[in-house]
N, C-alpha and C. Protein backbone atom coordinates (compact mmCIF):
# COMPACT_ATOMS: atom_id res chain seq x y z
N MET A 1 94.38 1.29 51.05
CA MET A 1 93.38 2.20 50.78
C MET A 1 93.77 3.21 50.24
N ASN A 2 93.67 4.08 49.22
CA ASN A 2 94.56 5.01 48.53
C ASN A 2 93.53 6.35 49.11
N ALA A 3 94.03 7.54 48.87
CA ALA A 3 93.21 8.88 48.96
C ALA A 3 92.24 8.90 47.73
N GLU A 4 92.30 8.29 46.78
CA GLU A 4 91.34 8.27 45.86
C GLU A 4 90.02 7.70 46.52
N SER A 5 90.09 6.59 46.98
CA SER A 5 88.71 5.92 47.58
C SER A 5 87.97 6.46 48.67
N THR A 6 88.82 7.28 49.64
CA THR A 6 88.02 8.21 50.52
C THR A 6 87.62 9.46 49.93
N PHE A 7 87.82 9.98 48.63
CA PHE A 7 87.17 10.83 47.96
C PHE A 7 85.70 10.88 47.35
N VAL A 8 85.61 9.14 47.04
CA VAL A 8 84.72 8.75 46.34
C VAL A 8 83.66 8.21 47.32
N ARG A 9 84.15 7.43 48.28
CA ARG A 9 83.57 7.03 49.27
C ARG A 9 83.49 7.69 50.46
N PRO A 10 82.60 8.45 50.81
CA PRO A 10 82.78 9.17 52.37
C PRO A 10 82.85 8.22 53.54
N SER A 11 83.67 8.76 54.52
CA SER A 11 83.46 7.66 55.93
C SER A 11 82.09 7.52 56.50
N ARG A 12 81.32 8.63 56.46
CA ARG A 12 80.05 8.85 57.24
C ARG A 12 79.17 8.40 56.16
N PRO A 13 78.21 7.20 56.44
CA PRO A 13 76.98 6.93 55.63
C PRO A 13 76.06 8.36 55.21
N ALA A 14 75.99 8.30 53.83
CA ALA A 14 75.29 9.37 53.69
C ALA A 14 73.70 8.94 53.56
N VAL A 15 72.71 9.70 53.33
CA VAL A 15 71.11 9.41 53.06
C VAL A 15 71.14 8.65 51.56
N VAL A 16 70.63 7.61 51.66
CA VAL A 16 70.39 6.92 50.42
C VAL A 16 68.99 7.34 49.96
N ALA A 17 69.00 7.91 48.84
CA ALA A 17 67.60 8.44 48.11
C ALA A 17 68.25 7.96 46.58
N PRO A 18 67.14 7.49 45.90
CA PRO A 18 67.36 7.57 44.50
C PRO A 18 66.57 8.44 43.76
N GLY A 19 67.24 8.94 42.43
CA GLY A 19 66.65 9.99 41.91
C GLY A 19 67.44 11.02 41.69
N GLY A 20 68.50 11.35 42.24
CA GLY A 20 69.16 12.59 42.31
C GLY A 20 69.25 13.38 43.37
N ASP A 21 69.78 14.66 43.30
CA ASP A 21 70.17 15.53 44.34
C ASP A 21 68.93 16.17 44.67
N GLY A 22 67.76 16.15 44.02
CA GLY A 22 66.41 16.63 44.44
C GLY A 22 65.73 15.86 45.27
N ALA A 23 65.63 14.58 44.91
CA ALA A 23 65.19 13.57 46.02
C ALA A 23 66.41 13.34 47.33
N ARG A 24 67.55 13.33 47.06
CA ARG A 24 68.40 13.18 48.24
C ARG A 24 68.33 14.55 49.40
N LEU A 25 67.88 15.76 48.66
CA LEU A 25 67.79 16.95 49.52
C LEU A 25 66.23 16.82 50.26
N ALA A 26 65.31 16.27 49.35
CA ALA A 26 63.83 16.18 50.18
C ALA A 26 64.16 15.10 51.47
N ALA A 27 64.86 13.96 50.95
CA ALA A 27 64.73 13.01 52.23
C ALA A 27 65.63 13.65 53.15
N MET A 28 66.61 14.43 53.19
CA MET A 28 67.43 15.20 54.16
C MET A 28 66.42 15.89 55.01
N VAL A 29 65.83 16.92 54.06
CA VAL A 29 64.72 17.55 54.89
C VAL A 29 63.76 16.90 55.80
N LEU A 30 63.28 15.64 55.16
CA LEU A 30 62.38 14.89 55.91
C LEU A 30 62.94 14.33 57.23
N ALA A 31 64.26 14.10 57.11
CA ALA A 31 64.86 13.44 58.36
C ALA A 31 65.46 14.29 59.23
N LEU A 32 65.02 15.83 59.10
CA LEU A 32 65.38 16.64 59.99
C LEU A 32 64.81 16.53 61.41
N PRO A 33 63.80 16.30 61.41
CA PRO A 33 63.07 16.17 62.70
C PRO A 33 63.76 15.06 63.73
N MET A 34 63.79 13.94 63.15
CA MET A 34 64.50 13.00 63.69
C MET A 34 65.92 13.38 64.19
N ARG A 35 66.71 13.90 63.31
CA ARG A 35 68.02 14.45 63.60
C ARG A 35 68.01 15.34 64.99
N VAL A 36 67.09 16.05 64.72
CA VAL A 36 66.79 17.28 66.01
C VAL A 36 66.09 16.48 67.13
N ALA A 37 65.45 15.41 66.94
CA ALA A 37 65.01 14.78 68.53
C ALA A 37 66.20 13.79 69.00
N ALA A 38 67.18 13.78 68.38
CA ALA A 38 68.37 12.97 68.56
C ALA A 38 69.12 13.59 69.92
N THR A 39 68.82 14.81 69.86
CA THR A 39 69.53 15.73 71.07
C THR A 39 68.61 16.26 72.13
N PRO A 40 69.05 16.27 73.34
CA PRO A 40 68.14 16.70 74.61
C PRO A 40 67.47 17.87 74.29
N LEU A 41 68.24 18.94 73.59
CA LEU A 41 67.45 20.44 73.43
C LEU A 41 66.58 20.28 72.47
N GLY A 42 66.78 19.44 71.27
CA GLY A 42 65.82 19.31 70.25
C GLY A 42 64.56 18.55 70.66
N ARG A 43 64.67 17.46 71.70
CA ARG A 43 63.72 16.88 72.12
C ARG A 43 62.81 17.82 73.05
N ARG A 44 63.42 18.95 73.82
CA ARG A 44 62.74 19.86 74.48
C ARG A 44 61.76 20.91 73.57
N ALA A 45 62.44 21.01 72.57
CA ALA A 45 62.05 21.95 71.67
C ALA A 45 60.88 21.35 70.94
N LEU A 46 61.01 20.16 70.28
CA LEU A 46 59.67 19.53 69.70
C LEU A 46 58.53 19.46 70.75
N ALA A 47 58.86 19.10 72.03
CA ALA A 47 57.81 18.95 73.11
C ALA A 47 57.29 20.18 73.24
N ALA A 48 58.18 21.60 73.60
CA ALA A 48 57.37 22.61 73.47
C ALA A 48 56.57 22.97 72.33
N ALA A 49 56.77 22.71 70.81
CA ALA A 49 56.19 23.11 69.87
C ALA A 49 54.80 22.40 69.67
N ALA A 50 54.84 21.23 70.29
CA ALA A 50 53.72 20.14 70.41
C ALA A 50 52.68 20.45 71.28
N ILE A 51 53.20 20.96 72.61
CA ILE A 51 52.29 21.82 73.57
C ILE A 51 51.67 22.95 72.86
N ALA A 52 52.44 23.87 72.04
CA ALA A 52 51.97 25.22 71.67
C ALA A 52 50.70 24.63 70.66
N VAL A 53 51.02 23.75 69.83
CA VAL A 53 50.02 23.42 68.63
C VAL A 53 48.84 22.95 69.42
N VAL A 54 48.93 22.14 70.44
CA VAL A 54 47.56 21.54 71.18
C VAL A 54 47.08 22.95 71.91
N LEU A 55 47.69 23.84 72.45
CA LEU A 55 47.08 24.96 73.29
C LEU A 55 46.44 25.92 72.29
N VAL A 56 47.15 26.03 71.16
CA VAL A 56 46.45 27.18 70.05
C VAL A 56 45.22 26.56 69.57
N THR A 57 44.83 25.18 69.28
CA THR A 57 44.23 24.54 68.73
C THR A 57 42.75 24.31 69.71
N TRP A 58 43.16 24.37 70.94
CA TRP A 58 42.21 24.33 71.92
C TRP A 58 41.50 25.84 72.12
N VAL A 59 42.29 26.80 72.08
CA VAL A 59 41.67 27.96 72.38
C VAL A 59 40.94 28.28 71.15
N GLY A 60 41.44 28.09 69.90
CA GLY A 60 40.50 28.18 68.89
C GLY A 60 39.19 27.42 68.85
N THR A 61 39.20 26.50 69.32
CA THR A 61 37.81 25.66 69.49
C THR A 61 37.17 26.10 70.57
N LEU A 62 37.55 26.61 71.70
CA LEU A 62 36.86 27.47 72.48
C LEU A 62 36.23 28.73 71.84
N TYR A 63 36.95 29.43 71.07
CA TYR A 63 36.39 30.55 70.42
C TYR A 63 35.29 30.27 69.64
N ASP A 64 35.31 29.17 69.12
CA ASP A 64 34.45 28.73 67.73
C ASP A 64 33.31 28.36 68.51
N HIS A 65 33.24 27.98 69.76
CA HIS A 65 31.87 27.37 70.24
C HIS A 65 31.51 28.21 71.77
N THR A 66 31.51 29.35 71.22
CA THR A 66 30.83 30.17 72.52
C THR A 66 29.45 29.79 73.12
N ASP A 67 29.66 30.12 74.40
CA ASP A 67 28.26 30.05 75.16
C ASP A 67 27.21 30.59 74.68
N ARG A 68 25.98 30.02 74.56
CA ARG A 68 24.67 30.94 74.05
C ARG A 68 23.90 31.05 75.18
N PRO A 69 23.16 32.27 75.24
CA PRO A 69 22.18 32.26 76.27
C PRO A 69 20.87 31.40 76.37
N ALA A 70 20.39 31.23 77.52
CA ALA A 70 19.34 30.46 77.43
C ALA A 70 18.19 31.10 76.63
N ALA A 71 17.38 30.07 75.97
CA ALA A 71 16.42 30.67 75.06
C ALA A 71 15.37 31.50 75.68
N GLY A 72 14.90 31.24 76.77
CA GLY A 72 13.89 32.43 77.18
C GLY A 72 14.31 33.60 77.97
N ARG A 73 15.80 33.53 78.28
CA ARG A 73 16.25 34.73 79.04
C ARG A 73 16.52 35.82 78.07
N ARG A 74 16.19 37.15 78.55
CA ARG A 74 16.50 38.42 77.65
C ARG A 74 16.95 39.36 78.57
N PRO A 75 18.07 39.99 78.20
CA PRO A 75 18.68 41.12 79.19
C PRO A 75 17.74 42.24 79.27
N ALA A 76 17.57 42.67 80.66
CA ALA A 76 16.78 43.86 80.97
C ALA A 76 17.42 44.94 80.48
N VAL A 77 16.36 46.43 80.21
CA VAL A 77 16.69 47.24 79.83
C VAL A 77 17.02 48.15 81.13
N HIS A 78 18.04 48.51 81.70
CA HIS A 78 18.42 49.43 82.90
C HIS A 78 18.77 50.85 82.68
N ALA A 79 19.17 51.04 81.33
CA ALA A 79 19.94 52.26 80.99
C ALA A 79 18.99 53.60 81.48
N ALA A 80 17.56 53.38 80.88
CA ALA A 80 16.61 54.52 80.79
C ALA A 80 16.34 54.73 82.43
N ALA A 81 16.07 53.40 82.97
CA ALA A 81 15.54 53.58 84.37
C ALA A 81 16.67 54.29 85.14
N SER A 82 18.24 53.97 85.11
CA SER A 82 19.16 54.67 85.86
C SER A 82 18.74 55.99 85.56
N ARG A 83 18.94 56.63 84.34
CA ARG A 83 18.67 58.13 84.08
C ARG A 83 17.49 58.95 84.61
N ASP A 84 16.31 57.93 84.69
CA ASP A 84 15.12 58.76 84.82
C ASP A 84 15.14 58.75 86.49
N ALA A 85 15.58 57.99 87.07
CA ALA A 85 15.44 57.69 88.59
C ALA A 85 16.05 59.06 89.26
N ALA A 86 15.39 59.63 90.24
CA ALA A 86 15.87 60.64 91.13
C ALA A 86 16.87 60.26 91.79
N PRO A 87 17.76 61.41 92.36
CA PRO A 87 18.90 60.90 93.00
C PRO A 87 18.56 60.67 94.42
N PRO A 88 19.23 59.70 95.12
CA PRO A 88 19.08 59.06 96.49
C PRO A 88 18.42 59.76 97.60
N GLY A 89 19.03 61.47 97.58
CA GLY A 89 18.84 62.09 98.37
C GLY A 89 17.22 62.81 98.42
N ARG A 90 16.93 63.06 97.01
CA ARG A 90 15.78 63.75 96.49
C ARG A 90 14.55 62.53 96.63
N ARG A 91 14.68 61.24 96.62
CA ARG A 91 13.75 60.41 96.14
C ARG A 91 12.85 60.13 97.34
N THR A 92 11.53 60.14 97.33
CA THR A 92 10.61 59.92 98.56
C THR A 92 10.31 58.55 98.55
N GLU A 93 9.73 58.09 99.76
CA GLU A 93 9.53 56.63 99.94
C GLU A 93 8.40 56.15 98.99
N ALA A 94 7.48 57.06 98.57
CA ALA A 94 6.47 56.78 97.60
C ALA A 94 6.95 56.50 96.17
N ALA A 95 7.91 57.21 95.89
CA ALA A 95 8.30 56.84 94.33
C ALA A 95 8.95 55.82 94.03
N ALA A 96 9.86 55.17 95.25
CA ALA A 96 10.67 54.20 95.01
C ALA A 96 9.89 52.96 94.34
N PRO A 97 8.71 52.55 95.13
CA PRO A 97 8.22 51.24 94.58
C PRO A 97 7.43 51.57 93.24
N ALA A 98 7.13 52.90 92.99
CA ALA A 98 6.75 52.89 91.45
C ALA A 98 7.68 52.85 90.57
N ALA A 99 9.02 53.14 90.71
CA ALA A 99 10.23 53.06 89.92
C ALA A 99 10.67 51.59 89.73
N ALA A 100 10.42 50.72 90.76
CA ALA A 100 10.87 49.48 90.48
C ALA A 100 9.55 48.76 89.90
N LYS A 101 8.53 49.03 89.97
CA LYS A 101 7.29 48.01 89.19
C LYS A 101 7.62 47.93 87.69
N ARG A 102 7.90 49.24 87.19
CA ARG A 102 7.98 49.32 85.74
C ARG A 102 9.14 50.25 85.48
N ALA A 103 10.15 49.57 84.49
CA ALA A 103 11.27 50.39 84.09
C ALA A 103 10.71 51.27 83.02
N PRO A 104 10.97 52.70 82.94
CA PRO A 104 10.53 53.46 81.73
C PRO A 104 11.15 52.94 80.52
N GLY A 105 10.72 52.94 79.25
CA GLY A 105 11.36 52.48 78.32
C GLY A 105 11.25 50.95 77.97
N ALA A 106 11.05 50.12 78.81
CA ALA A 106 10.88 48.76 78.67
C ALA A 106 10.12 48.54 77.37
N ALA A 107 9.18 49.17 77.42
CA ALA A 107 8.13 48.79 76.18
C ALA A 107 8.69 49.55 74.86
N ALA A 108 9.57 50.50 75.10
CA ALA A 108 10.25 51.06 73.82
C ALA A 108 11.13 49.79 73.14
N GLY A 109 12.05 49.25 73.88
CA GLY A 109 12.65 47.92 73.54
C GLY A 109 12.09 46.95 72.76
N GLU A 110 10.78 46.96 73.16
CA GLU A 110 9.98 45.83 72.86
C GLU A 110 9.49 46.19 71.49
N ALA A 111 9.02 47.66 71.26
CA ALA A 111 8.52 47.93 70.16
C ALA A 111 9.65 48.06 68.89
N ALA A 112 10.83 48.26 69.34
CA ALA A 112 11.80 48.42 68.45
C ALA A 112 12.34 47.02 67.99
N ALA A 113 12.18 46.06 68.77
CA ALA A 113 12.59 44.54 68.47
C ALA A 113 11.38 43.78 67.55
N ALA A 114 10.21 44.36 67.96
CA ALA A 114 9.01 43.96 67.07
C ALA A 114 9.51 44.44 65.50
N TRP A 115 9.53 45.84 65.43
CA TRP A 115 9.90 46.33 64.04
C TRP A 115 10.87 45.64 63.31
N PHE A 116 12.19 45.85 64.07
CA PHE A 116 13.10 45.02 63.60
C PHE A 116 13.11 43.65 63.24
N ALA A 117 12.42 43.02 63.98
CA ALA A 117 11.91 41.45 63.64
C ALA A 117 11.34 41.49 62.16
N GLY A 118 10.18 42.26 62.28
CA GLY A 118 9.54 42.36 60.87
C GLY A 118 10.20 42.90 59.58
N ARG A 119 11.60 43.52 59.80
CA ARG A 119 12.00 44.09 58.78
C ARG A 119 13.20 42.90 58.33
N GLN A 120 13.96 42.17 59.45
CA GLN A 120 14.79 41.29 59.00
C GLN A 120 14.14 39.78 58.74
N ARG A 121 12.45 39.85 58.63
CA ARG A 121 11.86 38.61 58.56
C ARG A 121 12.43 37.39 59.65
N VAL A 122 12.89 37.71 60.98
CA VAL A 122 12.88 36.48 61.78
C VAL A 122 11.89 36.64 62.68
N ALA A 123 11.82 35.76 63.56
CA ALA A 123 10.65 35.86 64.76
C ALA A 123 11.18 36.83 65.78
N VAL A 124 10.13 37.40 66.41
CA VAL A 124 10.34 38.23 67.37
C VAL A 124 11.28 37.89 68.66
N ASP A 125 10.87 36.71 68.90
CA ASP A 125 12.05 36.04 70.21
C ASP A 125 13.45 35.86 69.90
N ARG A 126 13.97 36.32 68.51
CA ARG A 126 15.17 35.94 67.94
C ARG A 126 15.84 37.37 67.89
N VAL A 127 15.12 38.31 68.06
CA VAL A 127 15.63 39.95 68.33
C VAL A 127 15.65 40.35 69.82
N ARG A 128 16.80 41.04 70.18
CA ARG A 128 16.85 41.48 71.48
C ARG A 128 17.07 43.05 71.34
N ALA A 129 16.59 43.77 72.29
CA ALA A 129 17.27 45.31 72.55
C ALA A 129 18.23 45.26 73.64
N LEU A 130 19.42 45.93 73.06
CA LEU A 130 20.72 45.65 73.96
C LEU A 130 20.88 47.09 74.58
N GLN A 131 20.67 48.30 74.12
CA GLN A 131 20.35 49.48 74.67
C GLN A 131 19.50 50.60 74.49
N GLU A 132 19.54 51.79 74.87
CA GLU A 132 18.47 52.53 74.89
C GLU A 132 19.25 53.92 74.88
N ARG A 133 18.92 54.94 74.19
CA ARG A 133 19.27 56.29 74.59
C ARG A 133 18.16 57.42 74.31
N ARG A 134 18.02 58.02 75.16
CA ARG A 134 16.79 59.03 75.13
C ARG A 134 17.08 59.99 74.28
N VAL A 135 16.55 60.54 73.56
CA VAL A 135 16.74 61.54 72.60
C VAL A 135 15.64 62.61 73.35
N SER A 136 14.56 62.55 73.67
CA SER A 136 13.61 63.61 74.17
C SER A 136 12.78 62.62 74.90
N ALA A 137 11.67 63.19 75.70
CA ALA A 137 10.74 62.81 76.52
C ALA A 137 9.79 61.66 75.73
N THR A 138 9.63 61.92 74.49
CA THR A 138 8.76 61.10 73.64
C THR A 138 9.53 60.25 72.51
N GLU A 139 10.90 60.32 72.53
CA GLU A 139 11.50 59.61 71.48
C GLU A 139 12.73 58.88 72.02
N ARG A 140 13.37 57.66 71.55
CA ARG A 140 14.11 56.85 72.02
C ARG A 140 14.94 56.31 70.81
N ARG A 141 16.22 56.26 71.25
CA ARG A 141 16.97 55.33 69.90
C ARG A 141 17.26 54.01 70.57
N VAL A 142 17.11 52.76 69.82
CA VAL A 142 17.13 51.73 70.74
C VAL A 142 18.40 50.90 69.76
N LEU A 143 19.17 49.99 70.12
CA LEU A 143 20.01 49.38 69.65
C LEU A 143 19.53 47.87 69.76
N VAL A 144 19.15 47.05 68.55
CA VAL A 144 18.54 45.98 68.43
C VAL A 144 19.53 45.00 67.74
N ILE A 145 19.62 43.78 68.14
CA ILE A 145 20.18 42.81 67.21
C ILE A 145 19.44 41.63 67.21
N ALA A 146 19.76 40.97 65.78
CA ALA A 146 19.08 39.56 65.76
C ALA A 146 19.82 38.39 65.63
N GLU A 147 19.63 37.50 66.45
CA GLU A 147 20.26 36.27 66.52
C GLU A 147 19.85 35.46 64.90
N ALA A 148 20.97 35.39 64.10
CA ALA A 148 20.71 34.55 62.99
C ALA A 148 21.01 33.09 63.06
N ALA A 149 20.29 32.47 62.15
CA ALA A 149 20.56 30.75 62.32
C ALA A 149 21.95 30.50 61.56
N GLY A 150 22.53 29.49 62.06
CA GLY A 150 23.62 28.98 61.33
C GLY A 150 24.92 29.56 61.37
N GLY A 151 24.87 30.60 62.47
CA GLY A 151 26.39 31.21 62.78
C GLY A 151 26.40 32.35 61.69
N ALA A 152 25.44 32.88 61.24
CA ALA A 152 25.81 33.86 60.27
C ALA A 152 25.99 35.27 61.12
N LYS A 153 26.18 36.17 60.01
CA LYS A 153 26.47 37.58 60.67
C LYS A 153 25.24 37.93 61.39
N LEU A 154 25.58 38.77 62.65
CA LEU A 154 24.50 39.24 63.45
C LEU A 154 23.80 40.58 63.10
N PRO A 155 22.66 40.60 62.25
CA PRO A 155 22.42 42.13 61.83
C PRO A 155 21.79 42.78 63.07
N SER A 156 22.44 44.29 63.07
CA SER A 156 21.83 45.27 64.46
C SER A 156 21.58 46.19 63.55
N ALA A 157 20.84 47.37 64.33
CA ALA A 157 20.57 48.63 63.87
C ALA A 157 20.15 49.53 64.99
N TYR A 158 20.28 50.69 64.84
CA TYR A 158 19.64 51.62 65.82
C TYR A 158 18.15 51.88 65.32
N VAL A 159 17.05 51.73 66.27
CA VAL A 159 16.04 52.01 65.86
C VAL A 159 15.30 53.13 66.57
N THR A 160 14.57 54.27 66.02
CA THR A 160 13.92 55.11 66.62
C THR A 160 12.40 54.76 66.66
N VAL A 161 12.45 54.92 68.02
CA VAL A 161 10.68 54.90 68.37
C VAL A 161 10.44 56.32 69.46
N ARG A 162 9.25 56.20 68.82
CA ARG A 162 8.51 57.68 69.54
C ARG A 162 7.07 57.09 70.18
N LYS A 163 6.99 57.85 71.30
CA LYS A 163 5.70 57.61 72.42
C LYS A 163 4.59 58.27 71.88
N GLY A 164 3.67 57.76 71.55
CA GLY A 164 2.12 58.18 71.44
C GLY A 164 1.19 57.73 72.18
N ARG A 165 -0.32 58.04 71.79
CA ARG A 165 -1.38 57.77 72.27
C ARG A 165 -1.36 56.14 72.76
N ASP A 166 -1.04 55.38 71.65
CA ASP A 166 -1.17 54.03 71.63
C ASP A 166 0.10 53.31 72.36
N GLY A 167 1.32 54.18 72.80
CA GLY A 167 2.27 53.65 73.24
C GLY A 167 3.37 53.84 72.43
N TRP A 168 4.52 53.01 72.53
CA TRP A 168 5.82 53.22 71.76
C TRP A 168 5.55 52.56 70.27
N THR A 169 5.95 53.24 69.25
CA THR A 169 5.75 52.81 67.80
C THR A 169 6.97 53.39 67.32
N ALA A 170 7.76 52.33 66.34
CA ALA A 170 8.92 52.61 65.69
C ALA A 170 8.69 53.43 64.40
N VAL A 171 9.67 54.44 64.20
CA VAL A 171 9.62 55.27 62.79
C VAL A 171 10.68 54.96 62.08
N SER A 172 11.64 54.25 62.46
CA SER A 172 12.72 54.06 61.44
C SER A 172 13.37 52.61 61.79
């Protein structure tokens, strides 16, 4: 064997790919994971990458399928009741049962939800009052949100309601 034959024919077998240098480079890139998996450190790195992909996919799926509240359950509005209640030291025995019977402002949330349902053209049971802010003795601002069908964006708004002779009515 002369010096010229080792130059033309390398001692290590090369990746055989038809079609020239581009195809040879593509074959080398595709064979790279197998070359990495041939070493112990490479196997550990590939296992860690596979576990990371599985965990990221799992967490993404959990975020896509969140728990939905039961159909008949609606959160109670407690913000107005806690503001209007007397301090514990000044509350009388007779005033405690009256405050427990009816939370002031529960009807304000219902009026705001009904008005917003009509504006968004959805059923009233698909709209929830999330919170209230007392503006004055006869006026409240209620945050309402409508549950959209098919996972669309949830429209929400602040609705101003006023208390009149007939109860709470929405003004905006």
